[in-house]
PDB file of all heavy atoms in Angstrom:
ATOM      1  N   THR A   1      -0.680 -12.640  -1.825  1.00  0.00           N
ATOM      2  CA  THR A   1       0.480 -12.340  -2.605  1.00  0.00           C
ATOM      3  C   THR A   1       1.533 -11.633  -1.819  1.00  0.00           C
ATOM      4  O   THR A   1       1.059 -10.714  -1.018  1.00  0.00           O
ATOM      5  CB  THR A   1       0.090 -11.584  -3.824  1.00  0.00           C
ATOM      6  OG1 THR A   1      -1.022 -12.328  -4.543  1.00  0.00           O
ATOM      7  CG2 THR A   1       1.291 -11.366  -4.786  1.00  0.00           C
ATOM      8  N   VAL A   2       2.791 -11.884  -2.055  1.00  0.00           N
ATOM      9  CA  VAL A   2       3.842 -11.157  -1.318  1.00  0.00           C
ATOM     10  C   VAL A   2       4.488 -10.290  -2.380  1.00  0.00           C
ATOM     11  O   VAL A   2       4.684 -10.583  -3.530  1.00  0.00           O
ATOM     12  CB  VAL A   2       4.920 -12.119  -0.771  1.00  0.00           C
ATOM     13  CG1 VAL A   2       5.946 -11.339  -0.126  1.00  0.00           C
ATOM     14  CG2 VAL A   2       4.327 -13.111   0.073  1.00  0.00           C
ATOM     15  N   VAL A   3       4.767  -8.969  -2.050  1.00  0.00           N
ATOM     16  CA  VAL A   3       5.442  -8.043  -2.931  1.00  0.00           C
ATOM     17  C   VAL A   3       6.446  -7.379  -2.023  1.00  0.00           C
ATOM     18  O   VAL A   3       6.435  -7.191  -0.955  1.00  0.00           O
ATOM     19  CB  VAL A   3       4.365  -6.871  -3.426  1.00  0.00           C
ATOM     20  CG1 VAL A   3       3.406  -7.534  -4.187  1.00  0.00           C
ATOM     21  CG2 VAL A   3       3.658  -6.271  -2.167  1.00  0.00           C
ATOM     22  N   ALA A   4       7.490  -7.024  -2.977  1.00  0.00           N
ATOM     23  CA  ALA A   4       8.672  -6.208  -2.368  1.00  0.00           C
ATOM     24  C   ALA A   4       8.912  -5.065  -3.392  1.00  0.00           C
ATOM     25  O   ALA A   4       9.004  -5.359  -4.585  1.00  0.00           O
ATOM     26  CB  ALA A   4       9.875  -7.127  -2.224  1.00  0.00           C
ATOM     27  N   PHE A   5       9.086  -3.848  -2.808  1.00  0.00           N
ATOM     28  CA  PHE A   5       9.214  -2.725  -3.770  1.00  0.00           C
ATOM     29  C   PHE A   5       9.982  -1.520  -2.971  1.00  0.00           C
ATOM     30  O   PHE A   5       9.950  -1.572  -1.716  1.00  0.00           O
ATOM     31  CB  PHE A   5       8.001  -2.270  -4.305  1.00  0.00           C
ATOM     32  CG  PHE A   5       6.901  -1.930  -3.342  1.00  0.00           C
ATOM     33  CD1 PHE A   5       6.909  -0.795  -2.669  1.00  0.00           C
ATOM     34  CD2 PHE A   5       6.031  -2.949  -2.955  1.00  0.00           C
ATOM     35  CE1 PHE A   5       5.867  -0.578  -1.683  1.00  0.00           C
ATOM     36  CE2 PHE A   5       5.026  -2.737  -2.050  1.00  0.00           C
ATOM     37  CZ  PHE A   5       4.942  -1.520  -1.358  1.00  0.00           C
ATOM     38  N   PRO A   6      10.571  -0.553  -3.658  1.00  0.00           N
ATOM     39  CA  PRO A   6      11.119   0.569  -3.004  1.00  0.00           C
ATOM     40  C   PRO A   6      10.075   1.270  -2.300  1.00  0.00           C
ATOM     41  O   PRO A   6       8.972   1.578  -2.889  1.00  0.00           O
ATOM     42  CB  PRO A   6      11.810   1.399  -4.182  1.00  0.00           C
ATOM     43  CG  PRO A   6      11.983   0.356  -5.237  1.00  0.00           C
ATOM     44  CD  PRO A   6      10.940  -0.538  -5.092  1.00  0.00           C
ATOM     45  N   ALA A   7      10.260   1.767  -1.021  1.00  0.00           N
ATOM     46  CA  ALA A   7       9.284   2.450  -0.208  1.00  0.00           C
ATOM     47  C   ALA A   7       9.389   3.990  -0.471  1.00  0.00           C
ATOM     48  O   ALA A   7       8.538   4.751   0.114  1.00  0.00           O
ATOM     49  CB  ALA A   7       9.409   2.064   1.359  1.00  0.00           C
ATOM     50  N   ASP A   8      10.351   4.429  -1.170  1.00  0.00           N
ATOM     51  CA  ASP A   8      10.522   5.782  -1.368  1.00  0.00           C
ATOM     52  C   ASP A   8      11.185   5.908  -2.774  1.00  0.00           C
ATOM     53  O   ASP A   8      11.871   5.081  -3.255  1.00  0.00           O
ATOM     54  CB  ASP A   8      11.247   6.561  -0.269  1.00  0.00           C
ATOM     55  CG  ASP A   8      12.612   5.952   0.077  1.00  0.00           C
ATOM     56  OD1 ASP A   8      13.293   5.911  -0.920  1.00  0.00           O
ATOM     57  OD2 ASP A   8      12.901   5.605   1.172  1.00  0.00           O
ATOM     58  N   GLU A   9      11.066   7.198  -3.375  1.00  0.00           N
ATOM     59  CA  GLU A   9      11.745   7.411  -4.719  1.00  0.00           C
ATOM     60  C   GLU A   9      13.199   7.262  -4.629  1.00  0.00           C
ATOM     61  O   GLU A   9      13.909   6.989  -5.649  1.00  0.00           O
ATOM     62  CB  GLU A   9      11.279   8.828  -5.164  1.00  0.00           C
ATOM     63  CG  GLU A   9       9.888   8.916  -5.496  1.00  0.00           C
ATOM     64  CD  GLU A   9       9.502  10.153  -6.274  1.00  0.00           C
ATOM     65  OE1 GLU A   9      10.532  10.811  -6.743  1.00  0.00           O
ATOM     66  OE2 GLU A   9       8.246  10.428  -6.453  1.00  0.00           O
ATOM     67  N   GLN A  10      13.855   7.543  -3.471  1.00  0.00           N
ATOM     68  CA  GLN A  10      15.316   7.511  -3.444  1.00  0.00           C
ATOM     69  C   GLN A  10      15.768   5.950  -3.266  1.00  0.00           C
ATOM     70  O   GLN A  10      16.907   5.782  -3.241  1.00  0.00           O
ATOM     71  CB  GLN A  10      15.837   8.192  -2.240  1.00  0.00           C
ATOM     72  CG  GLN A  10      15.700   9.818  -2.415  1.00  0.00           C
ATOM     73  CD  GLN A  10      14.200  10.199  -2.241  1.00  0.00           C
ATOM     74  OE1 GLN A  10      13.607   9.724  -1.379  1.00  0.00           O
ATOM     75  NE2 GLN A  10      13.879  11.230  -3.133  1.00  0.00           N
ATOM     76  N   GLN A  11      14.829   5.028  -3.048  1.00  0.00           N
ATOM     77  CA  GLN A  11      15.116   3.659  -2.753  1.00  0.00           C
ATOM     78  C   GLN A  11      15.969   3.505  -1.590  1.00  0.00           C
ATOM     79  O   GLN A  11      16.753   2.423  -1.555  1.00  0.00           O
ATOM     80  CB  GLN A  11      15.695   3.054  -4.091  1.00  0.00           C
ATOM     81  CG  GLN A  11      14.618   3.150  -5.188  1.00  0.00           C
ATOM     82  CD  GLN A  11      15.165   2.097  -6.418  1.00  0.00           C
ATOM     83  OE1 GLN A  11      15.874   1.139  -6.107  1.00  0.00           O
ATOM     84  NE2 GLN A  11      14.645   2.275  -7.622  1.00  0.00           N
ATOM     85  N   SER A  12      15.914   4.315  -0.573  1.00  0.00           N
ATOM     86  CA  SER A  12      16.653   4.170   0.577  1.00  0.00           C
ATOM     87  C   SER A  12      16.097   3.103   1.595  1.00  0.00           C
ATOM     88  O   SER A  12      16.732   2.740   2.436  1.00  0.00           O
ATOM     89  CB  SER A  12      16.736   5.577   1.308  1.00  0.00           C
ATOM     90  OG  SER A  12      15.448   6.045   1.628  1.00  0.00           O
ATOM     91  N   SER A  13      14.817   2.755   1.288  1.00  0.00           N
ATOM     92  CA  SER A  13      14.159   1.835   2.090  1.00  0.00           C
ATOM     93  C   SER A  13      13.126   1.019   1.131  1.00  0.00           C
ATOM     94  O   SER A  13      12.684   1.462   0.243  1.00  0.00           O
ATOM     95  CB  SER A  13      13.331   2.403   3.202  1.00  0.00           C
ATOM     96  OG  SER A  13      12.744   1.390   4.027  1.00  0.00           O
ATOM     97  N   TRP A  14      13.104  -0.331   1.392  1.00  0.00           N
ATOM     98  CA  TRP A  14      12.323  -1.366   0.715  1.00  0.00           C
ATOM     99  C   TRP A  14      11.277  -1.863   1.571  1.00  0.00           C
ATOM    100  O   TRP A  14      11.427  -2.164   2.777  1.00  0.00           O
ATOM    101  CB  TRP A  14      13.160  -2.440   0.206  1.00  0.00           C
ATOM    102  CG  TRP A  14      13.758  -2.039  -1.200  1.00  0.00           C
ATOM    103  CD1 TRP A  14      14.733  -1.094  -1.307  1.00  0.00           C
ATOM    104  CD2 TRP A  14      13.626  -2.595  -2.507  1.00  0.00           C
ATOM    105  NE1 TRP A  14      15.174  -0.917  -2.519  1.00  0.00           N
ATOM    106  CE2 TRP A  14      14.460  -1.811  -3.301  1.00  0.00           C
ATOM    107  CE3 TRP A  14      12.764  -3.576  -2.845  1.00  0.00           C
ATOM    108  CZ2 TRP A  14      14.455  -2.234  -4.616  1.00  0.00           C
ATOM    109  CZ3 TRP A  14      12.795  -3.889  -4.270  1.00  0.00           C
ATOM    110  CH2 TRP A  14      13.576  -3.129  -5.131  1.00  0.00           C
ATOM    111  N   MET A  15      10.024  -1.914   1.067  1.00  0.00           N
ATOM    112  CA  MET A  15       8.987  -2.587   1.853  1.00  0.00           C
ATOM    113  C   MET A  15       8.685  -4.083   1.221  1.00  0.00           C
ATOM    114  O   MET A  15       8.659  -4.297   0.075  1.00  0.00           O
ATOM    115  CB  MET A  15       7.577  -1.713   1.683  1.00  0.00           C
ATOM    116  CG  MET A  15       6.426  -2.372   2.385  1.00  0.00           C
ATOM    117  SD  MET A  15       4.878  -1.436   2.156  1.00  0.00           S
ATOM    118  CE  MET A  15       5.274  -0.176   3.360  1.00  0.00           C
ATOM    119  N   VAL A  16       8.404  -4.954   2.318  1.00  0.00           N
ATOM    120  CA  VAL A  16       8.090  -6.308   1.971  1.00  0.00           C
ATOM    121  C   VAL A  16       6.633  -6.494   2.582  1.00  0.00           C
ATOM    122  O   VAL A  16       6.438  -6.155   3.745  1.00  0.00           O
ATOM    123  CB  VAL A  16       8.975  -7.253   2.516  1.00  0.00           C
ATOM    124  CG1 VAL A  16       8.391  -8.703   2.164  1.00  0.00           C
ATOM    125  CG2 VAL A  16      10.229  -7.176   1.778  1.00  0.00           C
ATOM    126  N   ALA A  17       5.648  -6.731   1.773  1.00  0.00           N
ATOM    127  CA  ALA A  17       4.371  -6.852   2.263  1.00  0.00           C
ATOM    128  C   ALA A  17       3.513  -8.071   1.858  1.00  0.00           C
ATOM    129  O   ALA A  17       3.741  -8.416   0.724  1.00  0.00           O
ATOM    130  CB  ALA A  17       3.430  -5.646   1.785  1.00  0.00           C
ATOM    131  N   LEU A  18       2.870  -8.650   2.775  1.00  0.00           N
ATOM    132  CA  LEU A  18       1.921  -9.792   2.459  1.00  0.00           C
ATOM    133  C   LEU A  18       0.542  -9.305   2.412  1.00  0.00           C
ATOM    134  O   LEU A  18      -0.063  -8.871   3.535  1.00  0.00           O
ATOM    135  CB  LEU A  18       2.044 -10.882   3.573  1.00  0.00           C
ATOM    136  CG  LEU A  18       1.062 -12.107   3.461  1.00  0.00           C
ATOM    137  CD1 LEU A  18       1.083 -12.787   2.195  1.00  0.00           C
ATOM    138  CD2 LEU A  18       1.216 -12.996   4.629  1.00  0.00           C
ATOM    139  N   VAL A  19      -0.075  -9.282   1.416  1.00  0.00           N
ATOM    140  CA  VAL A  19      -1.452  -8.766   1.153  1.00  0.00           C
ATOM    141  C   VAL A  19      -2.390  -9.819   1.669  1.00  0.00           C
ATOM    142  O   VAL A  19      -2.487 -10.944   1.115  1.00  0.00           O
ATOM    143  CB  VAL A  19      -1.828  -8.336  -0.243  1.00  0.00           C
ATOM    144  CG1 VAL A  19      -3.200  -7.784  -0.359  1.00  0.00           C
ATOM    145  CG2 VAL A  19      -0.712  -7.244  -0.679  1.00  0.00           C
ATOM    146  N   LYS A  20      -3.232  -9.479   2.696  1.00  0.00           N
ATOM    147  CA  LYS A  20      -4.073 -10.503   3.353  1.00  0.00           C
ATOM    148  C   LYS A  20      -5.498 -10.303   2.993  1.00  0.00           C
ATOM    149  O   LYS A  20      -6.262 -11.214   2.787  1.00  0.00           O
ATOM    150  CB  LYS A  20      -3.941 -10.491   4.878  1.00  0.00           C
ATOM    151  CG  LYS A  20      -2.383 -10.657   5.208  1.00  0.00           C
ATOM    152  CD  LYS A  20      -2.275 -10.350   6.746  1.00  0.00           C
ATOM    153  CE  LYS A  20      -2.795 -11.451   7.670  1.00  0.00           C
ATOM    154  NZ  LYS A  20      -2.454 -11.202   9.132  1.00  0.00           N
ATOM    155  N   GLU A  21      -5.953  -9.087   2.714  1.00  0.00           N
ATOM    156  CA  GLU A  21      -7.298  -8.780   2.404  1.00  0.00           C
ATOM    157  C   GLU A  21      -7.326  -7.537   1.398  1.00  0.00           C
ATOM    158  O   GLU A  21      -6.537  -6.840   1.399  1.00  0.00           O
ATOM    159  CB  GLU A  21      -8.153  -8.362   3.644  1.00  0.00           C
ATOM    160  CG  GLU A  21      -8.287  -9.509   4.644  1.00  0.00           C
ATOM    161  CD  GLU A  21      -9.090  -8.939   5.761  1.00  0.00           C
ATOM    162  OE1 GLU A  21      -9.927  -8.022   5.670  1.00  0.00           O
ATOM    163  OE2 GLU A  21      -8.930  -9.427   6.999  1.00  0.00           O
ATOM    164  N   ARG A  22      -8.454  -7.586   0.647  1.00  0.00           N
ATOM    165  CA  ARG A  22      -8.676  -6.449  -0.305  1.00  0.00           C
ATOM    166  C   ARG A  22     -10.116  -6.215  -0.137  1.00  0.00           C
ATOM    167  O   ARG A  22     -11.107  -6.941  -0.517  1.00  0.00           O
ATOM    168  CB  ARG A  22      -8.377  -6.953  -1.716  1.00  0.00           C
ATOM    169  CG  ARG A  22      -8.448  -5.889  -2.779  1.00  0.00           C
ATOM    170  CD  ARG A  22      -8.114  -6.489  -4.106  1.00  0.00           C
ATOM    171  NE  ARG A  22      -8.190  -5.437  -5.148  1.00  0.00           N
ATOM    172  CZ  ARG A  22      -7.093  -4.766  -5.673  1.00  0.00           C
ATOM    173  NH1 ARG A  22      -5.897  -5.037  -5.223  1.00  0.00           N
ATOM    174  NH2 ARG A  22      -7.296  -3.888  -6.619  1.00  0.00           N
ATOM    175  N   ASN A  23     -10.523  -4.945   0.404  1.00  0.00           N
ATOM    176  CA  ASN A  23     -11.855  -4.634   0.715  1.00  0.00           C
ATOM    177  C   ASN A  23     -12.374  -3.378   0.063  1.00  0.00           C
ATOM    178  O   ASN A  23     -11.605  -2.463  -0.253  1.00  0.00           O
ATOM    179  CB  ASN A  23     -11.963  -4.514   2.298  1.00  0.00           C
ATOM    180  CG  ASN A  23     -11.437  -5.696   3.199  1.00  0.00           C
ATOM    181  OD1 ASN A  23     -11.875  -6.776   2.642  1.00  0.00           O
ATOM    182  ND2 ASN A  23     -10.672  -5.535   4.152  1.00  0.00           N
ATOM    183  N   LYS A  24     -13.612  -3.277  -0.104  1.00  0.00           N
ATOM    184  CA  LYS A  24     -14.282  -2.069  -0.599  1.00  0.00           C
ATOM    185  C   LYS A  24     -14.845  -1.329   0.638  1.00  0.00           C
ATOM    186  O   LYS A  24     -15.617  -1.906   1.397  1.00  0.00           O
ATOM    187  CB  LYS A  24     -15.435  -2.384  -1.510  1.00  0.00           C
ATOM    188  CG  LYS A  24     -16.031  -1.156  -2.242  1.00  0.00           C
ATOM    189  CD  LYS A  24     -17.046  -1.647  -3.260  1.00  0.00           C
ATOM    190  CE  LYS A  24     -17.532  -0.374  -3.938  1.00  0.00           C
ATOM    191  NZ  LYS A  24     -16.570   0.273  -4.709  1.00  0.00           N
ATOM    192  N   VAL A  25     -14.529  -0.110   0.949  1.00  0.00           N
ATOM    193  CA  VAL A  25     -14.811   0.721   2.068  1.00  0.00           C
ATOM    194  C   VAL A  25     -15.631   1.927   1.657  1.00  0.00           C
ATOM    195  O   VAL A  25     -15.467   2.184   0.429  1.00  0.00           O
ATOM    196  CB  VAL A  25     -13.660   1.081   2.956  1.00  0.00           C
ATOM    197  CG1 VAL A  25     -13.040  -0.255   3.553  1.00  0.00           C
ATOM    198  CG2 VAL A  25     -12.577   1.843   2.174  1.00  0.00           C
ATOM    199  N   SER A  26     -16.273   2.622   2.541  1.00  0.00           N
ATOM    200  CA  SER A  26     -16.939   3.821   2.190  1.00  0.00           C
ATOM    201  C   SER A  26     -15.871   5.036   2.212  1.00  0.00           C
ATOM    202  O   SER A  26     -14.943   4.993   2.994  1.00  0.00           O
ATOM    203  CB  SER A  26     -17.913   4.226   3.377  1.00  0.00           C
ATOM    204  OG  SER A  26     -18.914   3.167   3.333  1.00  0.00           O
ATOM    205  N   PRO A  27     -16.032   5.975   1.150  1.00  0.00           N
ATOM    206  CA  PRO A  27     -15.219   7.020   1.193  1.00  0.00           C
ATOM    207  C   PRO A  27     -15.274   7.941   2.282  1.00  0.00           C
ATOM    208  O   PRO A  27     -16.310   8.090   2.945  1.00  0.00           O
ATOM    209  CB  PRO A  27     -15.549   7.770  -0.169  1.00  0.00           C
ATOM    210  CG  PRO A  27     -16.751   7.094  -0.626  1.00  0.00           C
ATOM    211  CD  PRO A  27     -17.171   5.905   0.146  1.00  0.00           C
ATOM    212  N   VAL A  28     -14.099   8.624   2.685  1.00  0.00           N
ATOM    213  CA  VAL A  28     -14.117   9.603   3.719  1.00  0.00           C
ATOM    214  C   VAL A  28     -14.638  10.809   3.262  1.00  0.00           C
ATOM    215  O   VAL A  28     -14.434  11.253   2.080  1.00  0.00           O
ATOM    216  CB  VAL A  28     -12.606   9.751   4.193  1.00  0.00           C
ATOM    217  CG1 VAL A  28     -12.555  10.938   5.269  1.00  0.00           C
ATOM    218  CG2 VAL A  28     -12.089   8.449   4.873  1.00  0.00           C
ATOM    219  N   PRO A  29     -15.542  11.598   4.117  1.00  0.00           N
ATOM    220  CA  PRO A  29     -16.116  12.815   3.589  1.00  0.00           C
ATOM    221  C   PRO A  29     -14.994  13.774   3.077  1.00  0.00           C
ATOM    222  O   PRO A  29     -13.907  13.935   3.812  1.00  0.00           O
ATOM    223  CB  PRO A  29     -16.763  13.405   4.906  1.00  0.00           C
ATOM    224  CG  PRO A  29     -17.090  12.032   5.723  1.00  0.00           C
ATOM    225  CD  PRO A  29     -15.996  11.208   5.427  1.00  0.00           C
ATOM    226  N   GLY A  30     -15.248  14.366   1.994  1.00  0.00           N
ATOM    227  CA  GLY A  30     -14.280  15.328   1.533  1.00  0.00           C
ATOM    228  C   GLY A  30     -13.361  14.735   0.406  1.00  0.00           C
ATOM    229  O   GLY A  30     -12.547  15.383  -0.249  1.00  0.00           O
ATOM    230  N   GLU A  31     -13.563  13.366   0.138  1.00  0.00           N
ATOM    231  CA  GLU A  31     -12.747  12.761  -0.900  1.00  0.00           C
ATOM    232  C   GLU A  31     -13.523  12.736  -2.265  1.00  0.00           C
ATOM    233  O   GLU A  31     -12.977  12.092  -3.172  1.00  0.00           O
ATOM    234  CB  GLU A  31     -12.280  11.246  -0.367  1.00  0.00           C
ATOM    235  CG  GLU A  31     -11.360  11.363   0.817  1.00  0.00           C
ATOM    236  CD  GLU A  31     -10.937   9.790   1.097  1.00  0.00           C
ATOM    237  OE1 GLU A  31     -11.533   9.009   0.705  1.00  0.00           O
ATOM    238  OE2 GLU A  31     -10.069   9.891   2.001  1.00  0.00           O
ATOM    239  N   ASP A  32     -14.651  13.267  -2.268  1.00  0.00           N
ATOM    240  CA  ASP A  32     -15.395  13.121  -3.553  1.00  0.00           C
ATOM    241  C   ASP A  32     -14.737  13.655  -4.760  1.00  0.00           C
ATOM    242  O   ASP A  32     -14.817  12.954  -5.749  1.00  0.00           O
ATOM    243  CB  ASP A  32     -16.763  13.837  -3.340  1.00  0.00           C
ATOM    244  CG  ASP A  32     -17.590  13.280  -2.269  1.00  0.00           C
ATOM    245  OD1 ASP A  32     -17.360  12.160  -1.762  1.00  0.00           O
ATOM    246  OD2 ASP A  32     -18.529  13.965  -1.755  1.00  0.00           O
TER     247      ASP A  32
END
């Protein structure tokens, strides 16, 4: 899926991204 959205609250920059993978990873220590 391709998405486009404001990259900041001021909408001074927009990001266009192609989502290629969606993975489940291990949490980083301290994120509990």
